[in-house]
Amino acid sequence: MLTASAVDAMLKAKGYSEGSLYIRIDKASKDHLITEEMAKWAHAVRLDANDQRHADEGSELPTEADAKRRIDFATSLAMFLFTLPARVSKGLAQ
């Protein structure tokens, strides 16, 4: 659930605060802030969090590998949205 919250917070930090997380992910993709593939992965993270948040009895509990994949995505998204642009700006300034 926390990785979905992290995706949500990062999109909000980039100015995508209107509507649901679903809408914000799609808008970020359409605006080319993130790639279509990143949007697909973000939706997968969002849907997995929904299963846990709503305690769906038919949903399996996530495994350690599931958690690692979601954390990898959140980390990659943070690098793509914040770290890489900052490095590029710093490099250009030097």
PDB file of N, CA and C in Angstrom:
ATOM      1  N   MET A   1       0.824  -1.189   0.000  1.00  0.00           N
ATOM      2  CA  MET A   1       0.000   0.000   0.000  1.00  0.00           C
ATOM      3  C   MET A   1       0.870   1.255   0.000  1.00  0.00           C
ATOM      4  N   LEU A   2       2.001   1.183   0.680  1.00  0.00           N
ATOM      5  CA  LEU A   2       2.847   2.370   0.776  1.00  0.00           C
ATOM      6  C   LEU A   2       3.493   2.731  -0.552  1.00  0.00           C
ATOM      7  N   THR A   3       3.757   1.746  -1.400  1.00  0.00           N
ATOM      8  CA  THR A   3       4.335   2.099  -2.698  1.00  0.00           C
ATOM      9  C   THR A   3       3.315   2.844  -3.539  1.00  0.00           C
ATOM     10  N   ALA A   4       2.043   2.480  -3.448  1.00  0.00           N
ATOM     11  CA  ALA A   4       1.005   3.228  -4.168  1.00  0.00           C
ATOM     12  C   ALA A   4       0.906   4.644  -3.612  1.00  0.00           C
ATOM     13  N   SER A   5       1.046   4.783  -2.304  1.00  0.00           N
ATOM     14  CA  SER A   5       1.045   6.119  -1.692  1.00  0.00           C
ATOM     15  C   SER A   5       2.247   6.930  -2.156  1.00  0.00           C
ATOM     16  N   ALA A   6       3.391   6.263  -2.329  1.00  0.00           N
ATOM     17  CA  ALA A   6       4.583   6.953  -2.814  1.00  0.00           C
ATOM     18  C   ALA A   6       4.381   7.435  -4.246  1.00  0.00           C
ATOM     19  N   VAL A   7       3.795   6.595  -5.099  1.00  0.00           N
ATOM     20  CA  VAL A   7       3.492   6.995  -6.480  1.00  0.00           C
ATOM     21  C   VAL A   7       2.551   8.193  -6.461  1.00  0.00           C
ATOM     22  N   ASP A   8       1.536   8.126  -5.629  1.00  0.00           N
ATOM     23  CA  ASP A   8       0.569   9.216  -5.493  1.00  0.00           C
ATOM     24  C   ASP A   8       1.269  10.509  -5.082  1.00  0.00           C
ATOM     25  N   ALA A   9       2.123  10.442  -4.070  1.00  0.00           N
ATOM     26  CA  ALA A   9       2.824  11.633  -3.582  1.00  0.00           C
ATOM     27  C   ALA A   9       3.750  12.218  -4.647  1.00  0.00           C
ATOM     28  N   MET A  10       4.435  11.353  -5.391  1.00  0.00           N
ATOM     29  CA  MET A  10       5.343  11.859  -6.427  1.00  0.00           C
ATOM     30  C   MET A  10       4.579  12.564  -7.541  1.00  0.00           C
ATOM     31  N   LEU A  11       3.454  12.000  -7.941  1.00  0.00           N
ATOM     32  CA  LEU A  11       2.660  12.653  -8.988  1.00  0.00           C
ATOM     33  C   LEU A  11       2.113  13.989  -8.488  1.00  0.00           C
ATOM     34  N   LYS A  12       1.685  14.027  -7.248  1.00  0.00           N
ATOM     35  CA  LYS A  12       1.210  15.296  -6.674  1.00  0.00           C
ATOM     36  C   LYS A  12       2.332  16.327  -6.638  1.00  0.00           C
ATOM     37  N   ALA A  13       3.535  15.892  -6.292  1.00  0.00           N
ATOM     38  CA  ALA A  13       4.679  16.808  -6.255  1.00  0.00           C
ATOM     39  C   ALA A  13       4.986  17.377  -7.637  1.00  0.00           C
ATOM     40  N   LYS A  14       4.605  16.648  -8.663  1.00  0.00           N
ATOM     41  CA  LYS A  14       4.815  17.109 -10.040  1.00  0.00           C
ATOM     42  C   LYS A  14       3.593  17.862 -10.582  1.00  0.00           C
ATOM     43  N   GLY A  15       2.626  18.151  -9.713  1.00  0.00           N
ATOM     44  CA  GLY A  15       1.478  18.958 -10.106  1.00  0.00           C
ATOM     45  C   GLY A  15       0.255  18.176 -10.530  1.00  0.00           C
ATOM     46  N   TYR A  16       0.273  16.866 -10.375  1.00  0.00           N
ATOM     47  CA  TYR A  16      -0.879  16.034 -10.754  1.00  0.00           C
ATOM     48  C   TYR A  16      -1.665  15.700  -9.493  1.00  0.00           C
ATOM     49  N   SER A  17      -2.585  16.599  -9.145  1.00  0.00           N
ATOM     50  CA  SER A  17      -3.327  16.425  -7.900  1.00  0.00           C
ATOM     51  C   SER A  17      -4.833  16.293  -8.101  1.00  0.00           C
ATOM     52  N   GLU A  18      -5.293  16.449  -9.310  1.00  0.00           N
ATOM     53  CA  GLU A  18      -6.735  16.372  -9.578  1.00  0.00           C
ATOM     54  C   GLU A  18      -7.175  14.933  -9.838  1.00  0.00           C
ATOM     55  N   GLY A  19      -8.328  14.579  -9.321  1.00  0.00           N
ATOM     56  CA  GLY A  19      -8.919  13.272  -9.594  1.00  0.00           C
ATOM     57  C   GLY A  19      -8.266  12.147  -8.802  1.00  0.00           C
ATOM     58  N   SER A  20      -8.631  10.943  -9.185  1.00  0.00           N
ATOM     59  CA  SER A  20      -8.121   9.749  -8.511  1.00  0.00           C
ATOM     60  C   SER A  20      -6.701   9.453  -8.969  1.00  0.00           C
ATOM     61  N   LEU A  21      -6.052   8.532  -8.287  1.00  0.00           N
ATOM     62  CA  LEU A  21      -4.712   8.112  -8.687  1.00  0.00           C
ATOM     63  C   LEU A  21      -4.746   7.530 -10.097  1.00  0.00           C
ATOM     64  N   TYR A  22      -5.791   6.794 -10.419  1.00  0.00           N
ATOM     65  CA  TYR A  22      -5.956   6.243 -11.772  1.00  0.00           C
ATOM     66  C   TYR A  22      -5.887   7.364 -12.815  1.00  0.00           C
ATOM     67  N   ILE A  23      -6.643   8.411 -12.591  1.00  0.00           N
ATOM     68  CA  ILE A  23      -6.699   9.541 -13.522  1.00  0.00           C
ATOM     69  C   ILE A  23      -5.347  10.246 -13.588  1.00  0.00           C
ATOM     70  N   ARG A  24      -4.698  10.428 -12.431  1.00  0.00           N
ATOM     71  CA  ARG A  24      -3.405  11.116 -12.414  1.00  0.00           C
ATOM     72  C   ARG A  24      -2.323  10.327 -13.146  1.00  0.00           C
ATOM     73  N   ILE A  25      -2.330   9.003 -13.003  1.00  0.00           N
ATOM     74  CA  ILE A  25      -1.368   8.170 -13.722  1.00  0.00           C
ATOM     75  C   ILE A  25      -1.584   8.314 -15.222  1.00  0.00           C
ATOM     76  N   ASP A  26      -2.836   8.195 -15.651  1.00  0.00           N
ATOM     77  CA  ASP A  26      -3.134   8.318 -17.088  1.00  0.00           C
ATOM     78  C   ASP A  26      -2.764   9.693 -17.623  1.00  0.00           C
ATOM     79  N   LYS A  27      -3.046  10.733 -16.860  1.00  0.00           N
ATOM     80  CA  LYS A  27      -2.720  12.094 -17.302  1.00  0.00           C
ATOM     81  C   LYS A  27      -1.212  12.277 -17.406  1.00  0.00           C
ATOM     82  N   ALA A  28      -0.477  11.769 -16.438  1.00  0.00           N
ATOM     83  CA  ALA A  28       0.983  11.874 -16.471  1.00  0.00           C
ATOM     84  C   ALA A  28       1.541  11.159 -17.699  1.00  0.00           C
ATOM     85  N   SER A  29       0.935  10.053 -18.075  1.00  0.00           N
ATOM     86  CA  SER A  29       1.368   9.328 -19.273  1.00  0.00           C
ATOM     87  C   SER A  29       1.015  10.110 -20.532  1.00  0.00           C
ATOM     88  N   LYS A  30      -0.198  10.612 -20.608  1.00  0.00           N
ATOM     89  CA  LYS A  30      -0.625  11.374 -21.785  1.00  0.00           C
ATOM     90  C   LYS A  30       0.195  12.654 -21.957  1.00  0.00           C
ATOM     91  N   ASP A  31       0.629  13.237 -20.830  1.00  0.00           N
ATOM     92  CA  ASP A  31       1.450  14.450 -20.868  1.00  0.00           C
ATOM     93  C   ASP A  31       2.937  14.131 -21.066  1.00  0.00           C
ATOM     94  N   HIS A  32       3.269  12.858 -21.175  1.00  0.00           N
ATOM     95  CA  HIS A  32       4.648  12.387 -21.380  1.00  0.00           C
ATOM     96  C   HIS A  32       5.563  12.676 -20.192  1.00  0.00           C
ATOM     97  N   LEU A  33       4.968  12.825 -18.998  1.00  0.00           N
ATOM     98  CA  LEU A  33       5.784  12.912 -17.793  1.00  0.00           C
ATOM     99  C   LEU A  33       6.393  11.539 -17.505  1.00  0.00           C
ATOM    100  N   ILE A  34       5.588  10.494 -17.736  1.00  0.00           N
ATOM    101  CA  ILE A  34       6.052   9.110 -17.601  1.00  0.00           C
ATOM    102  C   ILE A  34       5.716   8.381 -18.900  1.00  0.00           C
ATOM    103  N   THR A  35       6.396   7.272 -19.130  1.00  0.00           N
ATOM    104  CA  THR A  35       6.138   6.488 -20.340  1.00  0.00           C
ATOM    105  C   THR A  35       4.873   5.650 -20.162  1.00  0.00           C
ATOM    106  N   GLU A  36       4.366   5.135 -21.274  1.00  0.00           N
ATOM    107  CA  GLU A  36       3.199   4.250 -21.213  1.00  0.00           C
ATOM    108  C   GLU A  36       3.497   3.014 -20.368  1.00  0.00           C
ATOM    109  N   GLU A  37       4.710   2.487 -20.492  1.00  0.00           N
ATOM    110  CA  GLU A  37       5.094   1.310 -19.722  1.00  0.00           C
ATOM    111  C   GLU A  37       5.132   1.615 -18.234  1.00  0.00           C
ATOM    112  N   MET A  38       5.634   2.804 -17.893  1.00  0.00           N
ATOM    113  CA  MET A  38       5.662   3.204 -16.488  1.00  0.00           C
ATOM    114  C   MET A  38       4.239   3.356 -15.955  1.00  0.00           C
ATOM    115  N   ALA A  39       3.348   3.864 -16.780  1.00  0.00           N
ATOM    116  CA  ALA A  39       1.943   3.994 -16.374  1.00  0.00           C
ATOM    117  C   ALA A  39       1.331   2.627 -16.121  1.00  0.00           C
ATOM    118  N   LYS A  40       1.631   1.655 -16.980  1.00  0.00           N
ATOM    119  CA  LYS A  40       1.105   0.292 -16.778  1.00  0.00           C
ATOM    120  C   LYS A  40       1.588  -0.275 -15.446  1.00  0.00           C
ATOM    121  N   TRP A  41       2.876  -0.087 -15.145  1.00  0.00           N
ATOM    122  CA  TRP A  41       3.429  -0.585 -13.895  1.00  0.00           C
ATOM    123  C   TRP A  41       2.820   0.162 -12.711  1.00  0.00           C
ATOM    124  N   ALA A  42       2.643   1.467 -12.855  1.00  0.00           N
ATOM    125  CA  ALA A  42       2.025   2.261 -11.785  1.00  0.00           C
ATOM    126  C   ALA A  42       0.599   1.794 -11.516  1.00  0.00           C
ATOM    127  N   HIS A  43      -0.134   1.470 -12.575  1.00  0.00           N
ATOM    128  CA  HIS A  43      -1.496   0.947 -12.391  1.00  0.00           C
ATOM    129  C   HIS A  43      -1.467  -0.407 -11.689  1.00  0.00           C
ATOM    130  N   ALA A  44      -0.485  -1.245 -12.008  1.00  0.00           N
ATOM    131  CA  ALA A  44      -0.374  -2.541 -11.337  1.00  0.00           C
ATOM    132  C   ALA A  44      -0.120  -2.350  -9.842  1.00  0.00           C
ATOM    133  N   VAL A  45       0.753  -1.404  -9.507  1.00  0.00           N
ATOM    134  CA  VAL A  45       1.035  -1.094  -8.101  1.00  0.00           C
ATOM    135  C   VAL A  45      -0.237  -0.576  -7.431  1.00  0.00           C
ATOM    136  N   ARG A  46      -0.954   0.293  -8.115  1.00  0.00           N
ATOM    137  CA  ARG A  46      -2.202   0.863  -7.576  1.00  0.00           C
ATOM    138  C   ARG A  46      -3.236  -0.226  -7.324  1.00  0.00           C
ATOM    139  N   LEU A  47      -3.400  -1.124  -8.273  1.00  0.00           N
ATOM    140  CA  LEU A  47      -4.389  -2.197  -8.127  1.00  0.00           C
ATOM    141  C   LEU A  47      -4.024  -3.171  -7.016  1.00  0.00           C
ATOM    142  N   ASP A  48      -2.751  -3.491  -6.907  1.00  0.00           N
ATOM    143  CA  ASP A  48      -2.313  -4.381  -5.828  1.00  0.00           C
ATOM    144  C   ASP A  48      -2.564  -3.753  -4.464  1.00  0.00           C
ATOM    145  N   ALA A  49      -2.356  -2.451  -4.367  1.00  0.00           N
ATOM    146  CA  ALA A  49      -2.624  -1.755  -3.106  1.00  0.00           C
ATOM    147  C   ALA A  49      -4.112  -1.776  -2.786  1.00  0.00           C
ATOM    148  N   ASN A  50      -4.952  -1.664  -3.817  1.00  0.00           N
ATOM    149  CA  ASN A  50      -6.398  -1.715  -3.596  1.00  0.00           C
ATOM    150  C   ASN A  50      -6.807  -3.039  -2.973  1.00  0.00           C
ATOM    151  N   ASP A  51      -6.205  -4.135  -3.459  1.00  0.00           N
ATOM    152  CA  ASP A  51      -6.522  -5.452  -2.896  1.00  0.00           C
ATOM    153  C   ASP A  51      -6.250  -5.480  -1.398  1.00  0.00           C
ATOM    154  N   GLN A  52      -5.122  -4.940  -0.993  1.00  0.00           N
ATOM    155  CA  GLN A  52      -4.750  -4.956   0.426  1.00  0.00           C
ATOM    156  C   GLN A  52      -5.549  -3.940   1.230  1.00  0.00           C
ATOM    157  N   ARG A  53      -5.762  -2.766   0.663  1.00  0.00           N
ATOM    158  CA  ARG A  53      -6.465  -1.702   1.375  1.00  0.00           C
ATOM    159  C   ARG A  53      -7.916  -2.091   1.648  1.00  0.00           C
ATOM    160  N   HIS A  54      -8.530  -2.783   0.712  1.00  0.00           N
ATOM    161  CA  HIS A  54      -9.939  -3.157   0.865  1.00  0.00           C
ATOM    162  C   HIS A  54     -10.111  -4.543   1.466  1.00  0.00           C
ATOM    163  N   ALA A  55      -9.006  -5.187   1.797  1.00  0.00           N
ATOM    164  CA  ALA A  55      -9.013  -6.503   2.431  1.00  0.00           C
ATOM    165  C   ALA A  55      -9.900  -7.483   1.670  1.00  0.00           C
ATOM    166  N   ASP A  56      -9.712  -7.520   0.361  1.00  0.00           N
ATOM    167  CA  ASP A  56     -10.471  -8.460  -0.459  1.00  0.00           C
ATOM    168  C   ASP A  56     -10.092  -9.879  -0.076  1.00  0.00           C
ATOM    169  N   GLU A  57     -11.092 -10.652   0.352  1.00  0.00           N
ATOM    170  CA  GLU A  57     -10.817 -12.003   0.818  1.00  0.00           C
ATOM    171  C   GLU A  57     -10.309 -12.908  -0.297  1.00  0.00           C
ATOM    172  N   GLY A  58     -10.644 -12.611  -1.541  1.00  0.00           N
ATOM    173  CA  GLY A  58     -10.211 -13.428  -2.657  1.00  0.00           C
ATOM    174  C   GLY A  58      -8.793 -13.136  -3.105  1.00  0.00           C
ATOM    175  N   SER A  59      -8.191 -12.107  -2.562  1.00  0.00           N
ATOM    176  CA  SER A  59      -6.843 -11.709  -2.963  1.00  0.00           C
ATOM    177  C   SER A  59      -5.805 -12.408  -2.094  1.00  0.00           C
ATOM    178  N   GLU A  60      -4.748 -12.860  -2.750  1.00  0.00           N
ATOM    179  CA  GLU A  60      -3.654 -13.469  -2.005  1.00  0.00           C
ATOM    180  C   GLU A  60      -2.813 -12.385  -1.357  1.00  0.00           C
ATOM    181  N   LEU A  61      -2.205 -12.721  -0.243  1.00  0.00           N
ATOM    182  CA  LEU A  61      -1.296 -11.781   0.402  1.00  0.00           C
ATOM    183  C   LEU A  61      -0.053 -11.628  -0.460  1.00  0.00           C
ATOM    184  N   PRO A  62       0.503 -10.428  -0.518  1.00  0.00           N
ATOM    185  CA  PRO A  62       1.709 -10.235  -1.326  1.00  0.00           C
ATOM    186  C   PRO A  62       2.892 -10.988  -0.727  1.00  0.00           C
ATOM    187  N   THR A  63       3.779 -11.407  -1.609  1.00  0.00           N
ATOM    188  CA  THR A  63       4.992 -12.097  -1.188  1.00  0.00           C
ATOM    189  C   THR A  63       6.125 -11.081  -1.036  1.00  0.00           C
ATOM    190  N   GLU A  64       7.241 -11.542  -0.535  1.00  0.00           N
ATOM    191  CA  GLU A  64       8.418 -10.680  -0.444  1.00  0.00           C
ATOM    192  C   GLU A  64       8.853 -10.230  -1.835  1.00  0.00           C
ATOM    193  N   ALA A  65       8.762 -11.130  -2.822  1.00  0.00           N
ATOM    194  CA  ALA A  65       9.121 -10.771  -4.202  1.00  0.00           C
ATOM    195  C   ALA A  65       8.175  -9.711  -4.753  1.00  0.00           C
ATOM    196  N   ASP A  66       6.877  -9.819  -4.423  1.00  0.00           N
ATOM    197  CA  ASP A  66       5.904  -8.801  -4.849  1.00  0.00           C
ATOM    198  C   ASP A  66       6.299  -7.439  -4.272  1.00  0.00           C
ATOM    199  N   ALA A  67       6.624  -7.421  -3.007  1.00  0.00           N
ATOM    200  CA  ALA A  67       7.003  -6.169  -2.355  1.00  0.00           C
ATOM    201  C   ALA A  67       8.257  -5.586  -2.994  1.00  0.00           C
ATOM    202  N   LYS A  68       9.229  -6.428  -3.285  1.00  0.00           N
ATOM    203  CA  LYS A  68      10.463  -5.950  -3.900  1.00  0.00           C
ATOM    204  C   LYS A  68      10.187  -5.317  -5.255  1.00  0.00           C
ATOM    205  N   ARG A  69       9.331  -5.935  -6.075  1.00  0.00           N
ATOM    206  CA  ARG A  69       8.999  -5.368  -7.388  1.00  0.00           C
ATOM    207  C   ARG A  69       8.332  -4.005  -7.247  1.00  0.00           C
ATOM    208  N   ARG A  70       7.456  -3.864  -6.294  1.00  0.00           N
ATOM    209  CA  ARG A  70       6.762  -2.591  -6.101  1.00  0.00           C
ATOM    210  C   ARG A  70       7.719  -1.508  -5.584  1.00  0.00           C
ATOM    211  N   ILE A  71       8.594  -1.894  -4.677  1.00  0.00           N
ATOM    212  CA  ILE A  71       9.589  -0.942  -4.173  1.00  0.00           C
ATOM    213  C   ILE A  71      10.546  -0.551  -5.290  1.00  0.00           C
ATOM    214  N   ASP A  72      10.939  -1.515  -6.113  1.00  0.00           N
ATOM    215  CA  ASP A  72      11.801  -1.209  -7.263  1.00  0.00           C
ATOM    216  C   ASP A  72      11.148  -0.187  -8.179  1.00  0.00           C
ATOM    217  N   PHE A  73       9.845  -0.341  -8.407  1.00  0.00           N
ATOM    218  CA  PHE A  73       9.150   0.625  -9.261  1.00  0.00           C
ATOM    219  C   PHE A  73       9.132   2.006  -8.617  1.00  0.00           C
ATOM    220  N   ALA A  74       8.764   2.080  -7.350  1.00  0.00           N
ATOM    221  CA  ALA A  74       8.699   3.382  -6.678  1.00  0.00           C
ATOM    222  C   ALA A  74      10.066   4.059  -6.673  1.00  0.00           C
ATOM    223  N   THR A  75      11.114   3.289  -6.447  1.00  0.00           N
ATOM    224  CA  THR A  75      12.471   3.838  -6.465  1.00  0.00           C
ATOM    225  C   THR A  75      12.839   4.321  -7.863  1.00  0.00           C
ATOM    226  N   SER A  76      12.519   3.518  -8.868  1.00  0.00           N
ATOM    227  CA  SER A  76      12.815   3.904 -10.253  1.00  0.00           C
ATOM    228  C   SER A  76      12.050   5.151 -10.658  1.00  0.00           C
ATOM    229  N   LEU A  77      10.785   5.230 -10.259  1.00  0.00           N
ATOM    230  CA  LEU A  77       9.978   6.400 -10.579  1.00  0.00           C
ATOM    231  C   LEU A  77      10.565   7.653  -9.933  1.00  0.00           C
ATOM    232  N   ALA A  78      11.000   7.530  -8.686  1.00  0.00           N
ATOM    233  CA  ALA A  78      11.616   8.677  -7.997  1.00  0.00           C
ATOM    234  C   ALA A  78      12.886   9.118  -8.709  1.00  0.00           C
ATOM    235  N   MET A  79      13.673   8.154  -9.145  1.00  0.00           N
ATOM    236  CA  MET A  79      14.900   8.502  -9.870  1.00  0.00           C
ATOM    237  C   MET A  79      14.566   9.198 -11.183  1.00  0.00           C
ATOM    238  N   PHE A  80      13.567   8.698 -11.892  1.00  0.00           N
ATOM    239  CA  PHE A  80      13.165   9.243 -13.187  1.00  0.00           C
ATOM    240  C   PHE A  80      12.591  10.655 -13.044  1.00  0.00           C
ATOM    241  N   LEU A  81      11.741  10.854 -12.029  1.00  0.00           N
ATOM    242  CA  LEU A  81      11.050  12.135 -11.873  1.00  0.00           C
ATOM    243  C   LEU A  81      11.882  13.207 -11.166  1.00  0.00           C
ATOM    244  N   PHE A  82      12.783  12.794 -10.271  1.00  0.00           N
ATOM    245  CA  PHE A  82      13.474  13.773  -9.433  1.00  0.00           C
ATOM    246  C   PHE A  82      14.996  13.714  -9.545  1.00  0.00           C
ATOM    247  N   THR A  83      15.573  12.547  -9.369  1.00  0.00           N
ATOM    248  CA  THR A  83      17.030  12.438  -9.328  1.00  0.00           C
ATOM    249  C   THR A  83      17.673  12.740 -10.676  1.00  0.00           C
ATOM    250  N   LEU A  84      17.205  12.101 -11.720  1.00  0.00           N
ATOM    251  CA  LEU A  84      17.798  12.310 -13.042  1.00  0.00           C
ATOM    252  C   LEU A  84      17.675  13.758 -13.505  1.00  0.00           C
ATOM    253  N   PRO A  85      16.499  14.387 -13.404  1.00  0.00           N
ATOM    254  CA  PRO A  85      16.422  15.797 -13.807  1.00  0.00           C
ATOM    255  C   PRO A  85      17.364  16.696 -12.998  1.00  0.00           C
ATOM    256  N   ALA A  86      17.519  16.421 -11.717  1.00  0.00           N
ATOM    257  CA  ALA A  86      18.429  17.223 -10.888  1.00  0.00           C
ATOM    258  C   ALA A  86      19.876  17.027 -11.332  1.00  0.00           C
ATOM    259  N   ARG A  87      20.232  15.797 -11.674  1.00  0.00           N
ATOM    260  CA  ARG A  87      21.594  15.532 -12.150  1.00  0.00           C
ATOM    261  C   ARG A  87      21.859  16.219 -13.485  1.00  0.00           C
ATOM    262  N   VAL A  88      20.868  16.198 -14.359  1.00  0.00           N
ATOM    263  CA  VAL A  88      21.019  16.853 -15.656  1.00  0.00           C
ATOM    264  C   VAL A  88      21.191  18.354 -15.461  1.00  0.00           C
ATOM    265  N   SER A  89      20.366  18.948 -14.623  1.00  0.00           N
ATOM    266  CA  SER A  89      20.470  20.390 -14.340  1.00  0.00           C
ATOM    267  C   SER A  89      21.833  20.739 -13.760  1.00  0.00           C
ATOM    268  N   LYS A  90      22.303  19.909 -12.838  1.00  0.00           N
ATOM    269  CA  LYS A  90      23.610  20.151 -12.227  1.00  0.00           C
ATOM    270  C   LYS A  90      24.719  20.022 -13.262  1.00  0.00           C
ATOM    271  N   GLY A  91      24.619  19.011 -14.117  1.00  0.00           N
ATOM    272  CA  GLY A  91      25.615  18.809 -15.159  1.00  0.00           C
ATOM    273  C   GLY A  91      25.651  19.958 -16.148  1.00  0.00           C
ATOM    274  N   LEU A  92      24.504  20.471 -16.518  1.00  0.00           N
ATOM    275  CA  LEU A  92      24.439  21.599 -17.439  1.00  0.00           C
ATOM    276  C   LEU A  92      25.015  22.866 -16.806  1.00  0.00           C
ATOM    277  N   ALA A  93      24.793  23.009 -15.522  1.00  0.00           N
ATOM    278  CA  ALA A  93      25.299  24.195 -14.829  1.00  0.00           C
ATOM    279  C   ALA A  93      26.817  24.170 -14.692  1.00  0.00           C
ATOM    280  N   GLN A  94      27.385  22.992 -14.684  1.00  0.00           N
ATOM    281  CA  GLN A  94      28.842  22.875 -14.529  1.00  0.00           C
ATOM    282  C   GLN A  94      29.481  23.106 -15.881  1.00  0.00           C
TER     283      GLN A  94
END
